[in-house]
Protein backbone atom coordinates (compact mmCIF):
# COMPACT_ATOMS: atom_id res chain seq x y z
CA UNK A 1 -0.11 0.04 0.09
CA UNK A 2 1.45 3.69 -1.04
CA UNK A 3 1.68 6.07 1.56
CA UNK A 4 0.31 9.51 -0.33
CA UNK A 5 -0.15 12.31 2.06
CA UNK A 6 -1.16 15.67 0.23
CA UNK A 7 1.25 18.11 1.19
CA UNK A 8 1.04 22.00 0.58
CA UNK A 9 3.59 23.75 2.30
CA UNK A 10 3.22 27.40 2.80
CA UNK A 11 5.21 27.85 5.32
CA UNK A 12 8.49 26.40 3.05
CA UNK A 13 7.05 29.11 1.27
CA UNK A 14 8.13 31.64 3.73
CA UNK A 15 11.96 33.54 3.63
CA UNK A 16 14.92 31.56 4.16
CA UNK A 17 15.29 33.20 7.64
CA UNK A 18 12.27 31.67 9.31
CA UNK A 19 13.58 28.07 8.90
CA UNK A 20 16.38 25.49 8.18
CA UNK A 21 16.10 22.72 5.87
CA UNK A 22 16.80 19.62 7.65
CA UNK A 23 15.92 16.04 7.03
CA UNK A 24 15.19 13.94 9.67
CA UNK A 25 18.03 11.77 10.89
CA UNK A 26 17.19 8.17 10.87
CA UNK A 27 17.19 5.35 12.98
CA UNK A 28 18.68 2.16 13.41
CA UNK A 29 15.35 0.17 13.56
CA UNK A 30 12.10 1.91 13.50
CA UNK A 31 9.31 -0.01 15.32
CA UNK A 32 4.88 0.72 15.44
CA UNK A 33 4.01 2.03 18.87
CA UNK A 34 1.06 3.67 17.64
CA UNK A 35 -1.30 4.77 14.78
CA UNK A 36 -4.14 7.35 15.79
CA UNK A 37 -6.82 5.71 13.72
CA UNK A 38 -9.64 7.98 14.40
CA UNK A 39 -7.70 10.58 13.73
CA UNK A 40 -5.97 9.75 10.40
CA UNK A 41 -9.55 8.95 9.05
CA UNK A 42 -10.80 12.41 10.11
CA UNK A 43 -7.34 13.77 8.14
CA UNK A 44 -8.20 11.78 4.93
CA UNK A 45 -5.17 9.82 5.91
CA UNK A 46 -4.78 6.04 5.03
CA UNK A 47 -4.32 4.33 8.64
CA UNK A 48 -3.29 1.38 7.40
CA UNK A 49 -0.62 3.01 5.46
CA UNK A 50 0.70 4.26 8.55
CA UNK A 51 0.99 0.91 10.27
CA UNK A 52 3.16 -0.87 7.26
CA UNK A 53 6.50 -0.69 6.63
CA UNK A 54 6.77 2.40 4.70
CA UNK A 55 4.56 4.25 7.19
CA UNK A 56 6.53 3.15 10.33
CA UNK A 57 9.63 4.45 8.54
CA UNK A 58 8.15 7.81 8.05
CA UNK A 59 7.37 8.25 11.63
CA UNK A 60 10.36 7.22 12.59
CA UNK A 61 12.54 9.40 10.49
CA UNK A 62 13.55 7.00 7.99
CA UNK A 63 11.18 7.55 5.03
CA UNK A 64 10.60 11.68 3.69
CA UNK A 65 7.31 11.06 1.66
CA UNK A 66 6.80 13.10 -1.42
CA UNK A 67 5.80 16.24 -1.28
CA UNK A 68 6.97 17.07 2.11
CA UNK A 69 9.92 19.94 2.41
CA UNK A 70 11.14 19.08 6.05
CA UNK A 71 12.77 22.16 8.05
CA UNK A 72 13.42 23.52 11.53
CA UNK A 73 11.52 26.19 12.28
CA UNK A 74 13.07 29.56 13.83
CA UNK A 75 11.93 31.27 16.51
CA UNK A 76 13.13 32.76 19.93
CA UNK A 77 11.41 33.18 23.63
CA UNK A 78 11.25 33.90 27.29
CA UNK A 79 11.99 30.77 29.24
CA UNK A 80 10.49 31.19 32.92
CA UNK A 81 11.00 34.63 32.25
CA UNK A 82 14.68 35.09 30.66
CA UNK A 83 14.85 35.69 27.34
CA UNK A 84 16.97 33.94 25.18
CA UNK A 85 17.20 35.36 21.49
CA UNK A 86 17.43 32.22 19.86
CA UNK A 87 15.55 29.27 20.22
CA UNK A 88 14.00 27.05 17.93
CA UNK A 89 13.01 23.36 16.51
CA UNK A 90 15.97 21.74 18.66
CA UNK A 91 14.43 17.60 17.96
CA UNK A 92 11.59 18.62 15.69
CA UNK A 93 11.44 18.76 12.03
CA UNK A 94 8.27 19.73 10.22
CA UNK A 95 7.50 17.57 7.61
CA UNK A 96 4.95 19.74 6.09
CA UNK A 97 1.43 21.26 5.93
CA UNK A 98 -1.58 18.88 4.45
CA UNK A 99 -4.74 20.07 3.59
CA UNK A 100 -7.33 17.56 5.41
CA UNK A 101 -11.20 17.87 6.00
CA UNK A 102 -9.79 19.33 9.31
CA UNK A 103 -8.32 21.92 7.67
CA UNK A 104 -4.81 23.23 7.08
CA UNK A 105 -2.58 20.77 9.71
CA UNK A 106 1.28 20.46 10.23
CA UNK A 107 2.83 17.23 10.70
CA UNK A 108 5.88 17.21 12.67
CA UNK A 109 8.41 14.86 13.72
CA UNK A 110 9.08 15.25 17.46
CA UNK A 111 12.70 13.26 18.26
CA UNK A 112 13.86 13.34 15.05
CA UNK A 113 17.33 14.19 15.51
CA UNK A 114 19.53 17.21 15.80
CA UNK A 115 19.11 20.29 13.79
CA UNK A 116 20.73 23.71 13.90
CA UNK A 117 18.95 24.52 16.96
CA UNK A 118 19.84 21.81 19.15
CA UNK A 119 22.48 23.75 21.14
CA UNK A 120 24.64 21.07 22.28
CA UNK A 121 21.34 18.79 22.50
CA UNK A 122 20.90 15.32 20.82
CA UNK A 123 17.87 16.24 18.95
CA UNK A 124 16.16 13.03 20.33
CA UNK A 125 13.16 11.68 22.58
CA UNK A 126 13.14 9.13 25.29
CA UNK A 127 10.08 7.06 24.61
CA UNK A 128 8.40 8.28 28.17
CA UNK A 129 7.88 12.17 26.83
CA UNK A 130 6.42 10.15 23.78
CA UNK A 131 4.21 8.11 25.71
CA UNK A 132 3.03 11.42 28.27
CA UNK A 133 2.58 13.65 25.06
CA UNK A 134 0.76 10.80 23.01
CA UNK A 135 -1.79 10.41 26.14
CA UNK A 136 -2.07 13.69 27.49
CA UNK A 137 -2.86 15.46 24.08
CA UNK A 138 -5.81 12.75 23.03
CA UNK A 139 -6.97 12.99 26.30
CA UNK A 140 -7.25 17.04 25.62
CA UNK A 141 -8.83 16.22 22.38
CA UNK A 142 -11.21 13.80 23.85
CA UNK A 143 -11.61 16.04 26.72
CA UNK A 144 -12.67 19.17 23.84
CA UNK A 145 -9.60 21.05 24.44
CA UNK A 146 -8.20 22.80 21.85
CA UNK A 147 -4.48 21.03 21.05
CA UNK A 148 -2.00 19.54 19.20
CA UNK A 149 -2.79 15.64 18.50
CA UNK A 150 -0.69 12.55 18.09
CA UNK A 151 -1.29 10.53 14.78
CA UNK A 152 1.44 8.15 15.50
CA UNK A 153 4.14 7.20 17.29
CA UNK A 154 7.42 5.12 16.61
CA UNK A 155 10.10 3.33 18.32
CA UNK A 156 13.85 3.45 17.22
CA UNK A 157 15.80 0.69 17.97
CA UNK A 158 18.63 2.94 19.66
CA UNK A 159 19.47 4.46 23.35
CA UNK A 160 18.89 7.54 24.33
CA UNK A 161 21.08 8.90 27.01
CA UNK A 162 19.47 10.93 30.03
CA UNK A 163 20.88 11.48 33.48
CA UNK A 164 23.44 8.70 32.52
CA UNK A 165 20.72 6.31 32.00
CA UNK A 166 20.58 4.49 28.49
CA UNK A 167 16.50 4.71 27.71
CA UNK A 168 14.66 3.45 24.81
CA UNK A 169 14.28 6.24 22.42
CA UNK A 170 11.09 7.23 20.11
CA UNK A 171 9.71 9.68 17.26
CA UNK A 172 6.05 11.00 17.42
CA UNK A 173 4.03 12.11 15.11
CA UNK A 174 2.02 15.74 16.15
CA UNK A 175 -0.71 16.95 14.33
CA UNK A 176 -1.33 21.12 14.84
CA UNK A 177 -3.26 23.73 13.46
CA UNK A 178 0.35 25.16 12.79
CA UNK A 179 3.42 25.50 15.37
CA UNK A 180 3.79 29.41 14.95
CA UNK A 181 4.45 30.81 18.65
CA UNK A 182 4.88 33.93 20.20
CA UNK A 183 8.35 33.06 19.92
CA UNK A 184 7.77 33.34 16.38
CA UNK A 185 7.32 36.90 16.40
CA UNK A 186 9.57 37.40 19.19
CA UNK A 187 12.51 35.95 16.48
CA UNK A 188 12.12 38.93 14.25
CA UNK A 189 11.11 41.44 16.78
CA UNK A 190 14.33 40.83 18.26
CA UNK A 191 16.05 41.48 14.94
CA UNK A 192 14.14 44.94 14.13
CA UNK A 193 13.23 42.45 10.90
CA UNK A 194 9.82 44.17 9.98
CA UNK A 195 9.70 42.97 6.68
CA UNK A 196 9.63 39.06 8.44
CA UNK A 197 7.27 40.47 11.24
CA UNK A 198 4.77 41.36 7.86
CA UNK A 199 5.33 38.26 6.43
CA UNK A 200 4.22 36.27 9.64
CA UNK A 201 1.40 38.89 10.57
CA UNK A 202 0.24 37.57 7.09
CA UNK A 203 0.50 34.09 7.15
CA UNK A 204 -0.76 33.78 10.55
CA UNK A 205 -3.95 36.16 9.79
CA UNK A 206 -4.67 34.08 6.48
CA UNK A 207 -4.02 30.82 7.80
CA UNK A 208 -5.96 31.15 11.26
CA UNK A 209 -7.84 34.39 11.65
CA UNK A 210 -8.77 35.26 8.31
CA UNK A 211 -11.34 37.57 9.81
CA UNK A 212 -8.51 40.09 11.23
CA UNK A 213 -7.97 42.76 9.48
CA UNK A 214 -4.62 43.62 10.25
CA UNK A 215 -1.95 43.16 13.42
CA UNK A 216 -4.17 44.85 15.87
CA UNK A 217 -7.27 42.74 14.97
CA UNK A 218 -4.72 39.62 15.16
CA UNK A 219 -3.25 40.11 18.64
CA UNK A 220 -7.34 41.00 19.34
CA UNK A 221 -7.74 37.13 18.44
CA UNK A 222 -4.81 35.94 19.67
CA UNK A 223 -5.66 37.03 22.85
CA UNK A 224 -9.29 36.02 23.24
CA UNK A 225 -8.21 32.57 21.90
CA UNK A 226 -5.55 32.14 25.08
CA UNK A 227 -8.41 33.65 27.32
CA UNK A 228 -10.47 30.23 26.15
CA UNK A 229 -7.92 28.04 26.11
CA UNK A 230 -6.41 28.86 29.96
CA UNK A 231 -9.96 28.53 30.92
CA UNK A 232 -10.05 25.00 29.67
CA UNK A 233 -7.20 23.89 31.67
CA UNK A 234 -8.46 25.62 35.00
CA UNK A 235 -11.61 24.10 34.58
CA UNK A 236 -10.07 20.76 34.02
CA UNK A 237 -7.15 21.05 37.00
CA UNK A 238 -4.52 20.58 34.07
CA UNK A 239 -1.37 22.43 34.66
CA UNK A 240 0.87 22.88 31.23
CA UNK A 241 4.33 23.40 33.29
CA UNK A 242 6.26 25.09 31.12
CA UNK A 243 4.28 28.11 29.69
CA UNK A 244 7.70 30.07 28.11
CA UNK A 245 6.38 31.90 25.40
CA UNK A 246 8.01 29.80 22.39
CA UNK A 247 5.43 26.99 24.03
CA UNK A 248 2.42 29.36 23.39
CA UNK A 249 0.93 28.52 19.74
CA UNK A 250 -0.64 31.74 18.38
CA UNK A 251 -3.72 29.04 16.91
CA UNK A 252 -5.10 28.30 20.25
CA UNK A 253 -4.19 25.32 20.54
CA UNK A 254 -2.45 23.50 24.00
CA UNK A 255 1.19 22.72 22.61
CA UNK A 256 4.38 21.22 24.32
CA UNK A 257 3.45 18.59 26.55
CA UNK A 258 6.67 18.69 28.86
CA UNK A 259 6.33 18.34 32.41
CA UNK A 260 2.49 18.64 32.12
CA UNK A 261 0.14 16.85 34.82
CA UNK A 262 -3.14 17.16 35.72
CA UNK A 263 -4.13 17.63 39.87
CA UNK A 264 -5.17 14.92 42.11
CA UNK A 265 -5.69 16.72 45.33
CA UNK A 266 -6.79 20.44 44.79
CA UNK A 267 -5.07 23.46 45.69
CA UNK A 268 -3.99 26.72 43.96
CA UNK A 269 -0.22 26.29 44.17
CA UNK A 270 0.29 22.91 43.07
CA UNK A 271 3.22 22.44 41.08
CA UNK A 272 4.28 19.30 39.20
CA UNK A 273 7.44 20.34 36.72
CA UNK A 274 10.49 19.60 38.24
CA UNK A 275 12.01 22.65 36.21
CA UNK A 276 9.89 24.94 37.64
CA UNK A 277 11.49 25.43 41.35
CA UNK A 278 10.30 28.78 41.41
CA UNK A 279 6.10 27.65 41.16
CA UNK A 280 6.02 30.41 38.39
CA UNK A 281 3.22 28.37 36.37
CA UNK A 282 1.64 27.10 39.30
CA UNK A 283 -1.85 26.12 38.48
CA UNK A 284 -3.60 29.02 39.59
CA UNK A 285 -0.74 31.56 38.08
CA UNK A 286 -1.34 30.42 34.59
CA UNK A 287 -4.22 32.76 33.58
CA UNK A 288 -1.40 35.28 34.61
CA UNK A 289 1.55 34.28 32.55
CA UNK A 290 -0.88 34.09 29.92
CA UNK A 291 -1.27 37.93 29.94
CA UNK A 292 2.49 38.36 30.36
CA UNK A 293 3.12 36.06 27.13
CA UNK A 294 0.71 37.85 25.53
CA UNK A 295 1.78 41.30 26.19
CA UNK A 296 5.40 40.18 24.67
CA UNK A 297 3.05 39.27 21.26
CA UNK A 298 1.92 42.82 21.75
CA UNK A 299 5.35 44.25 22.09
CA UNK A 300 5.97 42.32 19.05
CA UNK A 301 3.62 43.73 16.92
CA UNK A 302 4.15 47.54 17.54
CA UNK A 303 5.93 48.36 14.90
CA UNK A 304 2.94 46.65 12.78
CA UNK A 305 0.30 48.47 14.39
CA UNK A 306 1.85 51.70 14.50
CA UNK A 307 2.59 51.86 10.79
CA UNK A 308 5.34 54.80 10.59
CA UNK A 309 7.89 55.74 13.02
CA UNK A 310 6.45 59.13 13.91
CA UNK A 311 6.47 59.33 18.04
CA UNK A 312 2.78 59.98 18.04
CA UNK A 313 2.27 56.43 16.51
CA UNK A 314 4.00 54.70 18.30
CA UNK A 315 2.47 55.74 21.42
CA UNK A 316 -1.54 55.16 19.68
CA UNK A 317 -0.08 51.64 19.47
CA UNK A 318 0.95 50.93 22.47
CA UNK A 319 -2.53 52.13 23.88
CA UNK A 320 -4.36 50.12 21.72
CA UNK A 321 -1.96 46.66 22.14
CA UNK A 322 -2.45 47.68 25.86
CA UNK A 323 -6.05 47.76 25.79
CA UNK A 324 -6.41 44.51 23.68
CA UNK A 325 -4.36 42.38 26.07
CA UNK A 326 -6.37 43.89 29.00
CA UNK A 327 -9.61 42.02 27.27
CA UNK A 328 -8.04 39.04 27.92
CA UNK A 329 -9.73 39.29 31.73
CA UNK A 330 -13.00 39.89 30.74
CA UNK A 331 -13.05 37.00 27.97
CA UNK A 332 -11.26 34.61 30.41
CA UNK A 333 -13.53 35.35 34.15
CA UNK A 334 -16.60 34.90 31.24
CA UNK A 335 -15.07 31.82 30.06
CA UNK A 336 -14.09 30.26 34.01
CA UNK A 337 -18.14 31.42 35.06
CA UNK A 338 -19.12 29.54 32.16
CA UNK A 339 -16.96 26.10 32.87
CA UNK A 340 -16.95 26.18 36.28
CA UNK A 341 -20.54 26.69 36.40
CA UNK A 342 -21.57 23.95 33.88
CA UNK A 343 -19.07 21.57 36.03
CA UNK A 344 -22.22 22.67 38.93
CA UNK A 345 -24.95 22.01 36.56
CA UNK A 346 -26.05 25.19 36.04
CA UNK A 347 -27.54 26.07 32.65
CA UNK A 348 -26.42 30.03 32.45
CA UNK A 349 -24.29 30.69 35.11
CA UNK A 350 -23.33 34.76 35.56
CA UNK A 351 -20.57 36.11 37.95
CA UNK A 352 -23.12 35.83 40.91
CA UNK A 353 -22.31 32.31 40.67
CA UNK A 354 -18.67 33.05 41.32
CA UNK A 355 -18.96 32.71 45.46
CA UNK A 356 -20.86 29.32 45.02
CA UNK A 357 -18.02 27.91 42.97
CA UNK A 358 -14.86 29.75 44.51
CA UNK A 359 -16.48 28.61 48.20
CA UNK A 360 -16.53 24.80 47.05
CA UNK A 361 -12.76 25.44 45.90
CA UNK A 362 -11.80 26.97 48.89
CA UNK A 363 -13.04 23.95 50.73
CA UNK A 364 -11.37 21.52 48.44
CA UNK A 365 -7.81 22.82 48.93
CA UNK A 366 -8.25 22.70 53.28
CA UNK A 367 -10.08 19.30 52.64
CA UNK A 368 -7.62 17.77 50.20
CA UNK A 369 -10.21 16.74 47.96
CA UNK A 370 -9.86 15.15 44.83
CA UNK A 371 -10.31 17.78 42.07
CA UNK A 372 -11.59 15.30 39.04
CA UNK A 373 -13.70 13.15 41.82
CA UNK A 374 -15.69 16.05 43.48
CA UNK A 375 -16.92 17.40 40.56
CA UNK A 376 -17.76 14.46 39.09
CA UNK A 377 -19.39 13.07 42.24
CA UNK A 378 -21.62 15.92 42.19
CA UNK A 379 -23.53 14.18 39.31
CA UNK A 380 -23.25 11.03 40.72
CA UNK A 381 -24.14 12.30 44.67
CA UNK A 382 -21.11 11.13 46.18
CA UNK A 383 -18.90 14.16 46.33
CA UNK A 384 -19.17 14.39 49.98
CA UNK A 385 -16.61 11.69 49.83
CA UNK A 386 -13.88 13.32 48.80
CA UNK A 387 -13.42 15.68 51.62
CA UNK A 388 -11.25 14.93 54.87
CA UNK A 389 -14.25 16.37 56.76
CA UNK A 390 -17.87 15.60 55.05
CA UNK A 391 -19.26 18.45 56.84
CA UNK A 392 -17.31 21.04 54.58
CA UNK A 393 -18.79 19.71 51.90
CA UNK A 394 -22.54 19.31 54.12
CA UNK A 395 -22.48 23.03 54.59
CA UNK A 396 -21.70 24.45 50.92
CA UNK A 397 -24.68 21.85 49.52
CA UNK A 398 -27.61 23.83 50.65
CA UNK A 399 -26.60 26.99 48.75
CA UNK A 400 -25.86 24.92 46.05
CA UNK A 401 -29.05 22.47 45.57
CA UNK A 402 -30.85 26.57 45.82
CA UNK A 403 -29.53 27.92 43.34
CA UNK A 404 -30.03 24.35 41.11
CA UNK A 405 -33.03 24.92 42.11
CA UNK A 406 -33.65 27.98 39.69
CA UNK A 407 -32.87 25.86 36.77
CA UNK A 408 -34.25 22.86 34.70
CA UNK A 409 -34.29 19.43 35.87
CA UNK A 410 -31.62 16.95 34.53
CA UNK A 411 -28.53 18.53 36.58
CA UNK A 412 -26.85 15.33 36.66
CA UNK A 413 -26.99 14.53 33.47
CA UNK A 414 -25.76 17.86 32.55
CA UNK A 415 -22.94 17.61 35.22
CA UNK A 416 -21.84 13.87 33.80
CA UNK A 417 -21.27 15.57 30.18
CA UNK A 418 -19.10 18.11 31.45
CA UNK A 419 -16.90 16.68 34.32
CA UNK A 420 -14.92 14.06 33.13
CA UNK A 421 -14.54 10.35 34.99
CA UNK A 422 -11.46 9.38 33.86
CA UNK A 423 -8.31 11.39 33.26
CA UNK A 424 -4.68 10.75 32.82
CA UNK A 425 -3.42 10.60 36.40
CA UNK A 426 0.16 11.03 36.64
CA UNK A 427 0.79 7.77 38.33
CA UNK A 428 -1.62 5.83 35.36
CA UNK A 429 0.53 7.31 32.69
CA UNK A 430 3.83 6.66 34.77
CA UNK A 431 3.15 3.31 34.95
CA UNK A 432 2.47 2.92 31.00
CA UNK A 433 6.16 4.24 30.88
CA UNK A 434 7.68 1.87 33.03
CA UNK A 435 5.68 -0.99 31.53
CA UNK A 436 6.50 0.25 28.12
CA UNK A 437 10.08 0.98 29.00
CA UNK A 438 10.73 -2.80 29.68
CA UNK A 439 9.19 -3.78 26.73
CA UNK A 440 5.00 -4.06 27.85
CA UNK A 441 2.99 -1.62 25.81
CA UNK A 442 -0.67 -2.97 26.85
CA UNK A 443 -0.96 -0.29 29.85
CA UNK A 444 -0.01 2.43 27.43
CA UNK A 445 -3.00 1.05 25.03
CA UNK A 446 -5.67 0.53 27.77
CA UNK A 447 -4.99 3.81 29.24
CA UNK A 448 -5.40 5.50 25.45
CA UNK A 449 -8.28 3.47 24.58
CA UNK A 450 -10.17 4.48 28.38
CA UNK A 451 -8.76 8.29 28.18
CA UNK A 452 -10.57 8.64 24.25
CA UNK A 453 -14.16 8.34 26.22
CA UNK A 454 -13.29 10.17 29.68
CA UNK A 455 -17.21 11.11 30.15
CA UNK A 456 -18.31 7.32 29.58
CA UNK A 457 -16.80 5.24 32.54
CA UNK A 458 -18.53 2.99 35.33
CA UNK A 459 -18.23 4.18 38.96
CA UNK A 460 -16.09 0.78 39.19
CA UNK A 461 -13.84 1.56 36.72
CA UNK A 462 -10.35 1.28 37.94
CA UNK A 463 -8.99 4.17 36.25
CA UNK A 464 -11.06 6.88 38.00
CA UNK A 465 -8.97 5.76 41.44
CA UNK A 466 -7.20 8.92 42.90
CA UNK A 467 -3.73 7.72 43.92
CA UNK A 468 -2.95 5.97 46.92
CA UNK A 469 -0.23 7.73 48.65
CA UNK A 470 2.68 5.74 47.54
CA UNK A 471 1.15 6.04 44.14
CA UNK A 472 1.55 9.64 43.76
CA UNK A 473 3.74 11.43 41.42
CA UNK A 474 4.56 14.34 42.38
CA UNK A 475 7.30 15.36 40.01
CA UNK A 476 7.20 15.54 36.10
CA UNK A 477 10.11 16.37 33.72
CA UNK A 478 10.65 17.55 30.88
CA UNK A 479 11.96 15.34 27.70
CA UNK A 480 15.68 17.22 27.01
């Protein structure tokens, strides 16, 4: 069966300073981990062909399909607040773009070998981070969150050295609306390359926001997309873990699943990432970090918004860009109320419902209640069981019931539809990684299948359970 992909590579047609032409580095012995057949079909691709030798060779980086124009993208970024003027794809290769029933999307290999942006790194990924991104990104998609997707993954037959250990290598074939980041704009702004900024702005507008009529409208659109995205994360207890500007996609998708995690016990200060020693990217900080990142994007766009070099134009550009950034708060708060109100079964939540929501969250934090199980328990009549002291729930519940009485019947069904029963809990992901490292992919496949239907699990499904203390995974790690 011939592997045929309908490439049309618009990013590759941008000038040479946007990227470096780079083929993936071949590996010793490609082996299939998984093909996401449902996503392949949705993209109009042949899932069976992806699982055949040529398809596996492509996923591993040993075969460049016809029509691909592999490249490593250039970008810069603030990493934990520190400026890096040149980052770029150090372990990823953009094969190209396909025009599919889902729209124009990138196909990118992650872990495909060194590039000029690797900064002394090996450009490879070991099996654990590949499986983590596959599981979590597909779970996010099933939960309805805008995200990059995992189309396929392959082992390499080669070892990757991390912390002095030899670990099995792997490559992920990732799908995204694009891989253009805030850091992409920063790369050219730092070089005062206004021509490239204009080309990039025009490219992003055409690709993602065709209704935008210029750089300010683009900024408005990205601000709104990110505000809604962060509200989605917060409503699921998701912590990205490394919200650097080079990890914020201007498309509004969740991108770059490194030390990410879903909370078990709720607390707003929760941090999992081993590299976030100061808690910069803690759960509660994610909205304000998004604003900080967007302010960097706004700074990049100022010359285009101003239109000329006059002082008056520059000042006017600052004022309108600042106003655009300030709109994040209203959009985010409205989305947050809508999401958390729906989690309580409310059909039309308003700002007046905020005290009810925040009172529950405060009690959850004090009583070390499990985030996912409390909200799912509201639909199943067992939420109080998740509190160390059930009285904390009991004294909150009457106000909730009073508020529910103002809405139509059917709150249980409404809550079950928005509160997942199964999430990719750290300890389950870790179990799958440990087993796969030993050669057993069965736990990975079982968990991936369960995460595809996160709202449907029976109450006795063991994957719904919170971890015992000895099972908790409290630190997650970047794969580089």
